[in-house]
Amino acid sequence: MKTIKFAQPLIPLILSRQKSTTWRINDEKDLTVGETIDLLNALGEKFGQAEILNVKDTKFDDLNSEDKEGHESFLSDEDMYNTYSRYYSFRVVPETKLKIIKFKLLK
């Protein structure tokens, strides 16, 4: 089964169904709509399962309100770029490509 890892502070948001969207850079998992995936914490421990509802390729500069729905918010675009630069250990800029994954928590 395919998996997606999440940072510890995001897990309560997912379990409370406040977070139902994730953004991924350089994601080569070939996730498809309707697929069931395991949700893992940073240590690789399973904390839930979800169904993929939508997958979209875009750039940070092209994110719209629908893309941001169900995703944690940021204080500014600079904050968003800095956060993702820390996650991926390289400089994220408006032209950086990303994959938007919308999901529904199953259990």
Protein backbone atom coordinates (compact mmCIF):
# COMPACT_ATOMS: atom_id res chain seq x y z
CA MET A 1 0.00 0.00 0.00
CA LYS A 2 1.21 3.50 -0.81
CA THR A 3 1.90 5.91 2.05
CA ILE A 4 2.19 9.61 2.81
CA LYS A 5 4.16 10.95 5.79
CA PHE A 6 3.12 13.98 7.83
CA ALA A 7 4.91 16.16 10.36
CA GLN A 8 3.68 15.60 13.92
CA PRO A 9 1.88 18.99 14.29
CA LEU A 10 -0.34 18.16 11.28
CA ILE A 11 -1.64 14.83 12.58
CA PRO A 12 -4.29 16.27 14.96
CA LEU A 13 -5.58 18.45 12.10
CA ILE A 14 -5.95 15.37 9.89
CA LEU A 15 -7.61 13.27 12.59
CA SER A 16 -10.09 16.09 13.33
CA ARG A 17 -10.75 16.35 9.57
CA GLN A 18 -9.62 19.98 9.48
CA LYS A 19 -6.80 19.02 7.09
CA SER A 20 -7.83 17.12 3.98
CA THR A 21 -5.30 18.47 1.48
CA THR A 22 -1.55 18.00 1.25
CA TRP A 23 1.00 19.54 -1.10
CA ARG A 24 3.99 17.51 -2.25
CA ILE A 25 7.11 18.45 -4.21
CA ASN A 26 8.90 15.83 -6.34
CA ASP A 27 6.23 13.26 -5.54
CA GLU A 28 6.75 10.17 -7.67
CA LYS A 29 4.24 7.89 -5.94
CA ASP A 30 1.80 8.01 -8.88
CA LEU A 31 -1.19 8.48 -6.57
CA THR A 32 -4.53 8.07 -8.31
CA VAL A 33 -8.09 9.09 -7.52
CA GLY A 34 -9.92 6.36 -5.60
CA GLU A 35 -6.75 4.80 -4.22
CA THR A 36 -6.51 4.00 -0.50
CA ILE A 37 -3.28 5.07 1.23
CA ASP A 38 -1.78 4.71 4.70
CA LEU A 39 -1.04 7.92 6.60
CA LEU A 40 2.24 7.85 8.55
CA ASN A 41 3.87 10.08 11.13
CA ALA A 42 7.47 11.26 10.69
CA LEU A 43 8.72 8.03 12.32
CA GLY A 44 6.88 5.90 9.76
CA GLU A 45 4.13 4.78 12.16
CA LYS A 46 0.64 4.46 10.73
CA PHE A 47 -1.96 6.78 12.26
CA GLY A 48 -4.74 6.49 9.69
CA GLN A 49 -5.96 5.57 6.25
CA ALA A 50 -7.38 7.80 3.53
CA GLU A 51 -8.93 7.70 0.08
CA ILE A 52 -7.49 9.95 -2.62
CA LEU A 53 -10.22 12.27 -3.95
CA ASN A 54 -8.21 14.46 -6.33
CA VAL A 55 -4.65 14.92 -7.60
CA LYS A 56 -3.50 18.06 -9.40
CA ASP A 57 -0.11 19.25 -10.67
CA THR A 58 0.59 23.00 -10.45
CA LYS A 59 3.14 25.58 -9.27
CA PHE A 60 3.14 27.50 -6.00
CA ASP A 61 2.55 30.70 -7.95
CA ASP A 62 -0.65 29.23 -9.45
CA LEU A 63 -2.26 28.04 -6.18
CA ASN A 64 -5.88 29.16 -5.93
CA SER A 65 -8.43 29.17 -3.09
CA GLU A 66 -9.70 25.69 -4.04
CA ASP A 67 -6.13 24.32 -3.89
CA LYS A 68 -5.73 25.80 -0.40
CA GLU A 69 -9.06 24.47 0.91
CA GLY A 70 -8.43 21.82 3.58
CA HIS A 71 -4.76 22.79 3.89
CA GLU A 72 -3.14 24.51 6.86
CA SER A 73 -2.78 28.25 6.30
CA PHE A 74 0.35 30.39 6.34
CA LEU A 75 0.95 33.92 7.61
CA SER A 76 2.27 34.96 4.19
CA ASP A 77 3.63 33.57 0.94
CA GLU A 78 7.12 34.04 2.37
CA ASP A 79 6.14 31.90 5.37
CA MET A 80 4.79 29.22 3.00
CA TYR A 81 8.00 29.18 0.91
CA ASN A 82 10.17 29.05 4.05
CA THR A 83 8.10 26.19 5.50
CA TYR A 84 8.39 24.10 2.33
CA SER A 85 12.07 24.98 1.96
CA ARG A 86 12.61 23.49 5.45
CA TYR A 87 10.54 20.39 4.60
CA TYR A 88 12.46 19.67 1.39
CA SER A 89 15.92 21.11 2.20
CA PHE A 90 16.09 23.31 -0.90
CA ARG A 91 14.83 26.79 -1.78
CA VAL A 92 11.15 26.76 -2.76
CA VAL A 93 10.08 29.67 -4.99
CA PRO A 94 6.85 30.65 -6.79
CA GLU A 95 7.87 28.63 -9.87
CA THR A 96 8.43 25.42 -7.87
CA LYS A 97 6.14 22.64 -9.09
CA LEU A 98 4.00 20.74 -6.62
CA LYS A 99 1.27 18.12 -6.46
CA ILE A 100 -1.96 18.88 -4.63
CA ILE A 101 -3.54 15.79 -3.09
CA LYS A 102 -7.05 15.98 -1.66
CA PHE A 103 -8.07 13.06 0.54
CA LYS A 104 -10.81 11.76 2.79
CA LEU A 105 -9.87 10.21 6.13
CA LEU A 106 -11.28 6.68 6.34
CA LYS A 107 -9.98 5.55 9.74
